């Protein structure tokens, strides 16, 4: 008795994702040498632009003020507030500090 092989149906989305990934790799490999060769000519102003853009990705300019604010919330004087409000602010401080 011959058992037929099961047919595996792959969705079209898988083919699209693989094709796009292959295209990105091929374009990156083809264009990388040209881009790197052209960069020394543009490094005066273009390098400054990208240094400014990548500085925005640094986390210290966000984390340090956020940590100060969370410390003020966590160690604040909660006697003036109702217990429920104080509990909410303490929970916000604990959650935000956990995220930092």
PDB file of N, CA and C in Angstrom:
ATOM      1  N   UNK A   1       0.846  -1.184   0.000  1.00  0.00           N
ATOM      2  CA  UNK A   1       0.000   0.000   0.000  1.00  0.00           C
ATOM      3  C   UNK A   1       0.886   1.240   0.000  1.00  0.00           C
ATOM      4  N   UNK A   2       0.592   2.202  -0.882  1.00  0.00           N
ATOM      5  CA  UNK A   2       1.363   3.431  -1.022  1.00  0.00           C
ATOM      6  C   UNK A   2       0.640   4.544  -0.269  1.00  0.00           C
ATOM      7  N   UNK A   3       1.368   5.190   0.632  1.00  0.00           N
ATOM      8  CA  UNK A   3       0.799   6.285   1.410  1.00  0.00           C
ATOM      9  C   UNK A   3       1.173   7.599   0.718  1.00  0.00           C
ATOM     10  N   UNK A   4       0.188   8.377   0.349  1.00  0.00           N
ATOM     11  CA  UNK A   4       0.518   9.642  -0.326  1.00  0.00           C
ATOM     12  C   UNK A   4       1.174  10.625   0.644  1.00  0.00           C
ATOM     13  N   UNK A   5       2.092  11.435   0.126  1.00  0.00           N
ATOM     14  CA  UNK A   5       2.765  12.465   0.925  1.00  0.00           C
ATOM     15  C   UNK A   5       1.783  13.594   1.203  1.00  0.00           C
ATOM     16  N   UNK A   6       1.792  14.097   2.439  1.00  0.00           N
ATOM     17  CA  UNK A   6       0.887  15.215   2.730  1.00  0.00           C
ATOM     18  C   UNK A   6       1.340  16.477   1.991  1.00  0.00           C
ATOM     19  N   UNK A   7       0.388  17.214   1.533  1.00  0.00           N
ATOM     20  CA  UNK A   7       0.662  18.453   0.807  1.00  0.00           C
ATOM     21  C   UNK A   7       0.699  19.596   1.818  1.00  0.00           C
ATOM     22  N   UNK A   8       1.825  20.307   1.816  1.00  0.00           N
ATOM     23  CA  UNK A   8       1.978  21.441   2.722  1.00  0.00           C
ATOM     24  C   UNK A   8       1.673  22.710   1.933  1.00  0.00           C
ATOM     25  N   UNK A   9       0.700  23.435   2.393  1.00  0.00           N
ATOM     26  CA  UNK A   9       0.317  24.682   1.732  1.00  0.00           C
ATOM     27  C   UNK A   9       0.939  25.838   2.510  1.00  0.00           C
ATOM     28  N   UNK A  10       1.773  26.589   1.820  1.00  0.00           N
ATOM     29  CA  UNK A  10       2.422  27.744   2.443  1.00  0.00           C
ATOM     30  C   UNK A  10       1.666  28.990   2.012  1.00  0.00           C
ATOM     31  N   UNK A  11       1.294  29.831   2.962  1.00  0.00           N
ATOM     32  CA  UNK A  11       0.559  31.042   2.597  1.00  0.00           C
ATOM     33  C   UNK A  11       1.399  31.965   1.710  1.00  0.00           C
ATOM     34  N   UNK A  12       0.718  32.773   0.947  1.00  0.00           N
ATOM     35  CA  UNK A  12       1.378  33.723   0.053  1.00  0.00           C
ATOM     36  C   UNK A  12       2.179  34.739   0.864  1.00  0.00           C
ATOM     37  N   UNK A  13       1.738  35.054   2.052  1.00  0.00           N
ATOM     38  CA  UNK A  13       2.440  36.043   2.881  1.00  0.00           C
ATOM     39  C   UNK A  13       3.854  35.585   3.204  1.00  0.00           C
ATOM     40  N   UNK A  14       4.055  34.290   3.380  1.00  0.00           N
ATOM     41  CA  UNK A  14       5.393  33.772   3.664  1.00  0.00           C
ATOM     42  C   UNK A  14       6.310  34.028   2.470  1.00  0.00           C
ATOM     43  N   UNK A  15       5.805  33.781   1.268  1.00  0.00           N
ATOM     44  CA  UNK A  15       6.600  34.034   0.079  1.00  0.00           C
ATOM     45  C   UNK A  15       6.928  35.516  -0.069  1.00  0.00           C
ATOM     46  N   UNK A  16       5.986  36.375   0.243  1.00  0.00           N
ATOM     47  CA  UNK A  16       6.216  37.817   0.143  1.00  0.00           C
ATOM     48  C   UNK A  16       7.276  38.255   1.140  1.00  0.00           C
ATOM     49  N   UNK A  17       7.197  37.782   2.369  1.00  0.00           N
ATOM     50  CA  UNK A  17       8.176  38.160   3.393  1.00  0.00           C
ATOM     51  C   UNK A  17       9.572  37.678   3.009  1.00  0.00           C
ATOM     52  N   UNK A  18       9.673  36.454   2.520  1.00  0.00           N
ATOM     53  CA  UNK A  18      10.976  35.920   2.119  1.00  0.00           C
ATOM     54  C   UNK A  18      11.522  36.696   0.925  1.00  0.00           C
ATOM     55  N   UNK A  19      10.683  37.012  -0.039  1.00  0.00           N
ATOM     56  CA  UNK A  19      11.127  37.761  -1.212  1.00  0.00           C
ATOM     57  C   UNK A  19      11.607  39.154  -0.828  1.00  0.00           C
ATOM     58  N   UNK A  20      10.900  39.821   0.062  1.00  0.00           N
ATOM     59  CA  UNK A  20      11.313  41.156   0.505  1.00  0.00           C
ATOM     60  C   UNK A  20      12.626  41.076   1.276  1.00  0.00           C
ATOM     61  N   UNK A  21      12.778  40.072   2.117  1.00  0.00           N
ATOM     62  CA  UNK A  21      14.022  39.917   2.873  1.00  0.00           C
ATOM     63  C   UNK A  21      15.208  39.673   1.946  1.00  0.00           C
ATOM     64  N   UNK A  22      15.022  38.826   0.950  1.00  0.00           N
ATOM     65  CA  UNK A  22      16.092  38.568  -0.017  1.00  0.00           C
ATOM     66  C   UNK A  22      16.415  39.839  -0.798  1.00  0.00           C
ATOM     67  N   UNK A  23      15.403  40.577  -1.204  1.00  0.00           N
ATOM     68  CA  UNK A  23      15.618  41.827  -1.938  1.00  0.00           C
ATOM     69  C   UNK A  23      16.391  42.838  -1.102  1.00  0.00           C
ATOM     70  N   UNK A  24      16.060  42.948   0.161  1.00  0.00           N
ATOM     71  CA  UNK A  24      16.768  43.881   1.044  1.00  0.00           C
ATOM     72  C   UNK A  24      18.235  43.489   1.182  1.00  0.00           C
ATOM     73  N   UNK A  25      18.505  42.221   1.348  1.00  0.00           N
ATOM     74  CA  UNK A  25      19.893  41.766   1.482  1.00  0.00           C
ATOM     75  C   UNK A  25      20.670  42.021   0.200  1.00  0.00           C
ATOM     76  N   UNK A  26      20.077  41.722  -0.954  1.00  0.00           N
ATOM     77  CA  UNK A  26      20.765  41.930  -2.228  1.00  0.00           C
ATOM     78  C   UNK A  26      21.048  43.408  -2.460  1.00  0.00           C
ATOM     79  N   UNK A  27      20.083  44.266  -2.194  1.00  0.00           N
ATOM     80  CA  UNK A  27      20.287  45.710  -2.381  1.00  0.00           C
ATOM     81  C   UNK A  27      21.335  46.224  -1.404  1.00  0.00           C
ATOM     82  N   UNK A  28      21.308  45.755  -0.161  1.00  0.00           N
ATOM     83  CA  UNK A  28      22.297  46.192   0.821  1.00  0.00           C
ATOM     84  C   UNK A  28      23.699  45.779   0.410  1.00  0.00           C
ATOM     85  N   UNK A  29      23.851  44.567  -0.076  1.00  0.00           N
ATOM     86  CA  UNK A  29      25.171  44.110  -0.509  1.00  0.00           C
ATOM     87  C   UNK A  29      25.642  44.860  -1.749  1.00  0.00           C
ATOM     88  N   UNK A  30      24.739  45.177  -2.646  1.00  0.00           N
ATOM     89  CA  UNK A  30      25.116  45.866  -3.875  1.00  0.00           C
ATOM     90  C   UNK A  30      25.432  47.343  -3.631  1.00  0.00           C
ATOM     91  N   UNK A  31      24.716  47.985  -2.731  1.00  0.00           N
ATOM     92  CA  UNK A  31      24.871  49.425  -2.537  1.00  0.00           C
ATOM     93  C   UNK A  31      25.852  49.780  -1.437  1.00  0.00           C
ATOM     94  N   UNK A  32      26.228  48.839  -0.602  1.00  0.00           N
ATOM     95  CA  UNK A  32      27.061  49.167   0.558  1.00  0.00           C
ATOM     96  C   UNK A  32      28.418  49.715   0.160  1.00  0.00           C
ATOM     97  N   UNK A  33      29.056  49.106  -0.802  1.00  0.00           N
ATOM     98  CA  UNK A  33      30.387  49.564  -1.215  1.00  0.00           C
ATOM     99  C   UNK A  33      30.319  50.966  -1.814  1.00  0.00           C
ATOM    100  N   UNK A  34      29.308  51.233  -2.611  1.00  0.00           N
ATOM    101  CA  UNK A  34      29.170  52.564  -3.217  1.00  0.00           C
ATOM    102  C   UNK A  34      28.900  53.635  -2.161  1.00  0.00           C
ATOM    103  N   UNK A  35      28.062  53.308  -1.201  1.00  0.00           N
ATOM    104  CA  UNK A  35      27.747  54.276  -0.147  1.00  0.00           C
ATOM    105  C   UNK A  35      28.979  54.566   0.700  1.00  0.00           C
ATOM    106  N   UNK A  36      29.710  53.538   1.062  1.00  0.00           N
ATOM    107  CA  UNK A  36      30.908  53.739   1.879  1.00  0.00           C
ATOM    108  C   UNK A  36      31.982  54.505   1.117  1.00  0.00           C
ATOM    109  N   UNK A  37      32.070  54.313  -0.201  1.00  0.00           N
ATOM    110  CA  UNK A  37      33.040  55.065  -1.000  1.00  0.00           C
ATOM    111  C   UNK A  37      32.645  56.530  -1.112  1.00  0.00           C
ATOM    112  N   UNK A  38      31.358  56.828  -1.113  1.00  0.00           N
ATOM    113  CA  UNK A  38      30.895  58.206  -1.257  1.00  0.00           C
ATOM    114  C   UNK A  38      30.882  58.968   0.065  1.00  0.00           C
ATOM    115  N   UNK A  39      30.923  58.294   1.184  1.00  0.00           N
ATOM    116  CA  UNK A  39      30.796  58.965   2.480  1.00  0.00           C
ATOM    117  C   UNK A  39      31.936  59.930   2.817  1.00  0.00           C
ATOM    118  N   UNK A  40      33.206  59.656   2.517  1.00  0.00           N
ATOM    119  CA  UNK A  40      34.236  60.637   2.890  1.00  0.00           C
ATOM    120  C   UNK A  40      34.029  62.002   2.250  1.00  0.00           C
ATOM    121  N   UNK A  41      33.441  62.057   1.072  1.00  0.00           N
ATOM    122  CA  UNK A  41      33.189  63.346   0.426  1.00  0.00           C
ATOM    123  C   UNK A  41      32.079  64.114   1.121  1.00  0.00           C
ATOM    124  N   UNK A  42      31.156  63.426   1.711  1.00  0.00           N
ATOM    125  CA  UNK A  42      29.988  64.071   2.329  1.00  0.00           C
ATOM    126  C   UNK A  42      30.107  64.167   3.847  1.00  0.00           C
ATOM    127  N   UNK A  43      31.225  63.795   4.394  1.00  0.00           N
ATOM    128  CA  UNK A  43      31.311  63.651   5.845  1.00  0.00           C
ATOM    129  C   UNK A  43      31.226  64.971   6.599  1.00  0.00           C
ATOM    130  N   UNK A  44      31.446  66.094   5.956  1.00  0.00           N
ATOM    131  CA  UNK A  44      31.450  67.358   6.686  1.00  0.00           C
ATOM    132  C   UNK A  44      30.060  67.724   7.191  1.00  0.00           C
ATOM    133  N   UNK A  45      29.081  67.754   6.325  1.00  0.00           N
ATOM    134  CA  UNK A  45      27.752  68.154   6.785  1.00  0.00           C
ATOM    135  C   UNK A  45      26.855  66.946   7.033  1.00  0.00           C
ATOM    136  N   UNK A  46      26.983  65.896   6.236  1.00  0.00           N
ATOM    137  CA  UNK A  46      26.124  64.739   6.405  1.00  0.00           C
ATOM    138  C   UNK A  46      26.457  63.979   7.681  1.00  0.00           C
ATOM    139  N   UNK A  47      27.734  63.928   8.023  1.00  0.00           N
ATOM    140  CA  UNK A  47      28.128  63.276   9.272  1.00  0.00           C
ATOM    141  C   UNK A  47      27.543  63.991  10.478  1.00  0.00           C
ATOM    142  N   UNK A  48      27.528  65.321  10.430  1.00  0.00           N
ATOM    143  CA  UNK A  48      26.927  66.095  11.517  1.00  0.00           C
ATOM    144  C   UNK A  48      25.433  65.855  11.644  1.00  0.00           C
ATOM    145  N   UNK A  49      24.774  65.728  10.505  1.00  0.00           N
ATOM    146  CA  UNK A  49      23.329  65.462  10.529  1.00  0.00           C
ATOM    147  C   UNK A  49      23.056  64.111  11.191  1.00  0.00           C
ATOM    148  N   UNK A  50      23.808  63.083  10.791  1.00  0.00           N
ATOM    149  CA  UNK A  50      23.564  61.763  11.358  1.00  0.00           C
ATOM    150  C   UNK A  50      24.009  61.676  12.808  1.00  0.00           C
ATOM    151  N   UNK A  51      25.012  62.436  13.209  1.00  0.00           N
ATOM    152  CA  UNK A  51      25.384  62.453  14.620  1.00  0.00           C
ATOM    153  C   UNK A  51      24.273  63.073  15.454  1.00  0.00           C
ATOM    154  N   UNK A  52      23.637  64.099  14.933  1.00  0.00           N
ATOM    155  CA  UNK A  52      22.522  64.718  15.659  1.00  0.00           C
ATOM    156  C   UNK A  52      21.327  63.776  15.721  1.00  0.00           C
ATOM    157  N   UNK A  53      21.049  63.082  14.617  1.00  0.00           N
ATOM    158  CA  UNK A  53      19.916  62.157  14.597  1.00  0.00           C
ATOM    159  C   UNK A  53      20.158  60.993  15.553  1.00  0.00           C
ATOM    160  N   UNK A  54      21.357  60.428  15.535  1.00  0.00           N
ATOM    161  CA  UNK A  54      21.607  59.288  16.412  1.00  0.00           C
ATOM    162  C   UNK A  54      21.704  59.709  17.866  1.00  0.00           C
ATOM    163  N   UNK A  55      21.985  60.951  18.141  1.00  0.00           N
ATOM    164  CA  UNK A  55      21.985  61.430  19.534  1.00  0.00           C
ATOM    165  C   UNK A  55      20.588  61.328  20.126  1.00  0.00           C
ATOM    166  N   UNK A  56      19.578  61.462  19.289  1.00  0.00           N
ATOM    167  CA  UNK A  56      18.212  61.341  19.781  1.00  0.00           C
ATOM    168  C   UNK A  56      17.917  59.926  20.267  1.00  0.00           C
ATOM    169  N   UNK A  57      18.669  58.955  19.789  1.00  0.00           N
ATOM    170  CA  UNK A  57      18.472  57.583  20.230  1.00  0.00           C
ATOM    171  C   UNK A  57      19.122  57.274  21.566  1.00  0.00           C
ATOM    172  N   UNK A  58      19.974  58.151  22.047  1.00  0.00           N
ATOM    173  CA  UNK A  58      20.617  57.921  23.345  1.00  0.00           C
ATOM    174  C   UNK A  58      19.567  58.086  24.437  1.00  0.00           C
ATOM    175  N   UNK A  59      19.660  57.257  25.422  1.00  0.00           N
ATOM    176  CA  UNK A  59      18.594  57.240  26.422  1.00  0.00           C
ATOM    177  C   UNK A  59      18.868  58.125  27.628  1.00  0.00           C
ATOM    178  N   UNK A  60      20.080  58.647  27.775  1.00  0.00           N
ATOM    179  CA  UNK A  60      20.365  59.395  29.002  1.00  0.00           C
ATOM    180  C   UNK A  60      19.562  60.678  29.101  1.00  0.00           C
ATOM    181  N   UNK A  61      19.246  61.327  27.996  1.00  0.00           N
ATOM    182  CA  UNK A  61      18.505  62.578  28.070  1.00  0.00           C
ATOM    183  C   UNK A  61      17.043  62.352  28.427  1.00  0.00           C
ATOM    184  N   UNK A  62      16.577  61.122  28.364  1.00  0.00           N
ATOM    185  CA  UNK A  62      15.219  60.800  28.799  1.00  0.00           C
ATOM    186  C   UNK A  62      15.231  60.166  30.179  1.00  0.00           C
ATOM    187  N   UNK A  63      16.192  59.294  30.428  1.00  0.00           N
ATOM    188  CA  UNK A  63      16.174  58.513  31.662  1.00  0.00           C
ATOM    189  C   UNK A  63      16.509  59.328  32.902  1.00  0.00           C
ATOM    190  N   UNK A  64      17.455  60.236  32.797  1.00  0.00           N
ATOM    191  CA  UNK A  64      17.862  60.987  33.990  1.00  0.00           C
ATOM    192  C   UNK A  64      16.730  61.875  34.509  1.00  0.00           C
ATOM    193  N   UNK A  65      16.082  62.711  33.676  1.00  0.00           N
ATOM    194  CA  UNK A  65      14.940  63.486  34.205  1.00  0.00           C
ATOM    195  C   UNK A  65      13.780  62.596  34.663  1.00  0.00           C
ATOM    196  N   UNK A  66      13.541  61.495  33.961  1.00  0.00           N
ATOM    197  CA  UNK A  66      12.460  60.599  34.371  1.00  0.00           C
ATOM    198  C   UNK A  66      12.757  59.968  35.722  1.00  0.00           C
ATOM    199  N   UNK A  67      14.007  59.614  35.953  1.00  0.00           N
ATOM    200  CA  UNK A  67      14.380  59.036  37.238  1.00  0.00           C
ATOM    201  C   UNK A  67      14.226  60.049  38.370  1.00  0.00           C
ATOM    202  N   UNK A  68      14.567  61.299  38.101  1.00  0.00           N
ATOM    203  CA  UNK A  68      14.392  62.351  39.115  1.00  0.00           C
ATOM    204  C   UNK A  68      12.909  62.534  39.430  1.00  0.00           C
ATOM    205  N   UNK A  69      12.080  62.555  38.403  1.00  0.00           N
ATOM    206  CA  UNK A  69      10.635  62.720  38.616  1.00  0.00           C
ATOM    207  C   UNK A  69      10.067  61.530  39.384  1.00  0.00           C
ATOM    208  N   UNK A  70      10.505  60.322  39.033  1.00  0.00           N
ATOM    209  CA  UNK A  70      10.011  59.140  39.745  1.00  0.00           C
ATOM    210  C   UNK A  70      10.467  59.144  41.202  1.00  0.00           C
ATOM    211  N   UNK A  71      11.679  59.617  41.476  1.00  0.00           N
ATOM    212  CA  UNK A  71      12.133  59.706  42.865  1.00  0.00           C
ATOM    213  C   UNK A  71      11.313  60.724  43.633  1.00  0.00           C
ATOM    214  N   UNK A  72      10.989  61.856  43.005  1.00  0.00           N
ATOM    215  CA  UNK A  72      10.149  62.860  43.673  1.00  0.00           C
ATOM    216  C   UNK A  72       8.756  62.301  43.971  1.00  0.00           C
ATOM    217  N   UNK A  73       8.206  61.546  43.021  1.00  0.00           N
ATOM    218  CA  UNK A  73       6.888  60.952  43.254  1.00  0.00           C
ATOM    219  C   UNK A  73       6.967  59.899  44.351  1.00  0.00           C
ATOM    220  N   UNK A  74       7.994  59.056  44.305  1.00  0.00           N
ATOM    221  CA  UNK A  74       8.087  57.954  45.256  1.00  0.00           C
ATOM    222  C   UNK A  74       8.346  58.433  46.674  1.00  0.00           C
ATOM    223  N   UNK A  75       9.181  59.470  46.826  1.00  0.00           N
ATOM    224  CA  UNK A  75       9.551  59.925  48.159  1.00  0.00           C
ATOM    225  C   UNK A  75       8.836  61.215  48.559  1.00  0.00           C
ATOM    226  N   UNK A  76       7.763  61.529  47.870  1.00  0.00           N
ATOM    227  CA  UNK A  76       7.013  62.739  48.185  1.00  0.00           C
ATOM    228  C   UNK A  76       6.220  62.607  49.480  1.00  0.00           C
ATOM    229  N   UNK A  77       5.730  63.733  49.956  1.00  0.00           N
ATOM    230  CA  UNK A  77       4.917  63.760  51.174  1.00  0.00           C
ATOM    231  C   UNK A  77       3.462  63.503  50.779  1.00  0.00           C
ATOM    232  N   UNK A  78       2.964  62.323  51.151  1.00  0.00           N
ATOM    233  CA  UNK A  78       1.629  61.920  50.744  1.00  0.00           C
ATOM    234  C   UNK A  78       0.603  62.151  51.845  1.00  0.00           C
ATOM    235  N   UNK A  79       0.982  62.817  52.915  1.00  0.00           N
ATOM    236  CA  UNK A  79       0.060  63.019  54.034  1.00  0.00           C
ATOM    237  C   UNK A  79      -1.091  63.953  53.661  1.00  0.00           C
ATOM    238  N   UNK A  80      -0.882  64.824  52.718  1.00  0.00           N
ATOM    239  CA  UNK A  80      -1.918  65.797  52.347  1.00  0.00           C
ATOM    240  C   UNK A  80      -2.977  65.202  51.430  1.00  0.00           C
ATOM    241  N   UNK A  81      -2.686  64.079  50.837  1.00  0.00           N
ATOM    242  CA  UNK A  81      -3.631  63.458  49.905  1.00  0.00           C
ATOM    243  C   UNK A  81      -4.458  62.396  50.608  1.00  0.00           C
ATOM    244  N   UNK A  82      -5.558  62.064  49.956  1.00  0.00           N
ATOM    245  CA  UNK A  82      -6.342  60.936  50.449  1.00  0.00           C
ATOM    246  C   UNK A  82      -5.535  59.658  50.256  1.00  0.00           C
ATOM    247  N   UNK A  83      -5.876  58.651  51.009  1.00  0.00           N
ATOM    248  CA  UNK A  83      -5.104  57.397  50.933  1.00  0.00           C
ATOM    249  C   UNK A  83      -5.176  56.769  49.545  1.00  0.00           C
ATOM    250  N   UNK A  84      -6.328  56.862  48.912  1.00  0.00           N
ATOM    251  CA  UNK A  84      -6.476  56.273  47.588  1.00  0.00           C
ATOM    252  C   UNK A  84      -5.602  57.009  46.567  1.00  0.00           C
ATOM    253  N   UNK A  85      -5.555  58.330  46.622  1.00  0.00           N
ATOM    254  CA  UNK A  85      -4.708  59.103  45.708  1.00  0.00           C
ATOM    255  C   UNK A  85      -3.236  58.812  45.946  1.00  0.00           C
ATOM    256  N   UNK A  86      -2.852  58.715  47.209  1.00  0.00           N
ATOM    257  CA  UNK A  86      -1.464  58.395  47.529  1.00  0.00           C
ATOM    258  C   UNK A  86      -1.091  57.002  47.008  1.00  0.00           C
ATOM    259  N   UNK A  87      -2.024  56.066  47.120  1.00  0.00           N
ATOM    260  CA  UNK A  87      -1.753  54.717  46.624  1.00  0.00           C
ATOM    261  C   UNK A  87      -1.609  54.706  45.102  1.00  0.00           C
ATOM    262  N   UNK A  88      -2.418  55.499  44.433  1.00  0.00           N
ATOM    263  CA  UNK A  88      -2.323  55.575  42.971  1.00  0.00           C
ATOM    264  C   UNK A  88      -0.973  56.153  42.557  1.00  0.00           C
ATOM    265  N   UNK A  89      -0.548  57.245  43.184  1.00  0.00           N
ATOM    266  CA  UNK A  89       0.745  57.849  42.832  1.00  0.00           C
ATOM    267  C   UNK A  89       1.906  56.935  43.184  1.00  0.00           C
ATOM    268  N   UNK A  90       1.804  56.217  44.281  1.00  0.00           N
ATOM    269  CA  UNK A  90       2.856  55.261  44.630  1.00  0.00           C
ATOM    270  C   UNK A  90       2.918  54.124  43.611  1.00  0.00           C
ATOM    271  N   UNK A  91       1.771  53.684  43.150  1.00  0.00           N
ATOM    272  CA  UNK A  91       1.744  52.633  42.126  1.00  0.00           C
ATOM    273  C   UNK A  91       2.303  53.133  40.802  1.00  0.00           C
ATOM    274  N   UNK A  92       1.977  54.350  40.430  1.00  0.00           N
ATOM    275  CA  UNK A  92       2.535  54.932  39.201  1.00  0.00           C
ATOM    276  C   UNK A  92       4.052  55.029  39.309  1.00  0.00           C
ATOM    277  N   UNK A  93       4.548  55.472  40.442  1.00  0.00           N
ATOM    278  CA  UNK A  93       5.995  55.590  40.636  1.00  0.00           C
ATOM    279  C   UNK A  93       6.666  54.228  40.575  1.00  0.00           C
ATOM    280  N   UNK A  94       6.067  53.231  41.202  1.00  0.00           N
ATOM    281  CA  UNK A  94       6.661  51.890  41.182  1.00  0.00           C
ATOM    282  C   UNK A  94       6.659  51.310  39.777  1.00  0.00           C
ATOM    283  N   UNK A  95       5.572  51.478  39.057  1.00  0.00           N
ATOM    284  CA  UNK A  95       5.484  50.945  37.700  1.00  0.00           C
ATOM    285  C   UNK A  95       6.440  51.668  36.759  1.00  0.00           C
ATOM    286  N   UNK A  96       6.495  52.981  36.837  1.00  0.00           N
ATOM    287  CA  UNK A  96       7.373  53.741  35.950  1.00  0.00           C
ATOM    288  C   UNK A  96       8.834  53.471  36.276  1.00  0.00           C
ATOM    289  N   UNK A  97       9.179  53.309  37.534  1.00  0.00           N
ATOM    290  CA  UNK A  97      10.551  52.991  37.894  1.00  0.00           C
ATOM    291  C   UNK A  97      10.912  51.599  37.396  1.00  0.00           C
ATOM    292  N   UNK A  98       9.984  50.680  37.431  1.00  0.00           N
ATOM    293  CA  UNK A  98      10.227  49.348  36.884  1.00  0.00           C
ATOM    294  C   UNK A  98      10.498  49.423  35.385  1.00  0.00           C
ATOM    295  N   UNK A  99       9.784  50.289  34.676  1.00  0.00           N
ATOM    296  CA  UNK A  99       9.982  50.430  33.247  1.00  0.00           C
ATOM    297  C   UNK A  99      11.306  51.093  32.909  1.00  0.00           C
ATOM    298  N   UNK A 100      11.802  51.941  33.809  1.00  0.00           N
ATOM    299  CA  UNK A 100      13.088  52.600  33.543  1.00  0.00           C
ATOM    300  C   UNK A 100      14.162  51.584  33.675  1.00  0.00           C
TER     301      UNK A 100
END
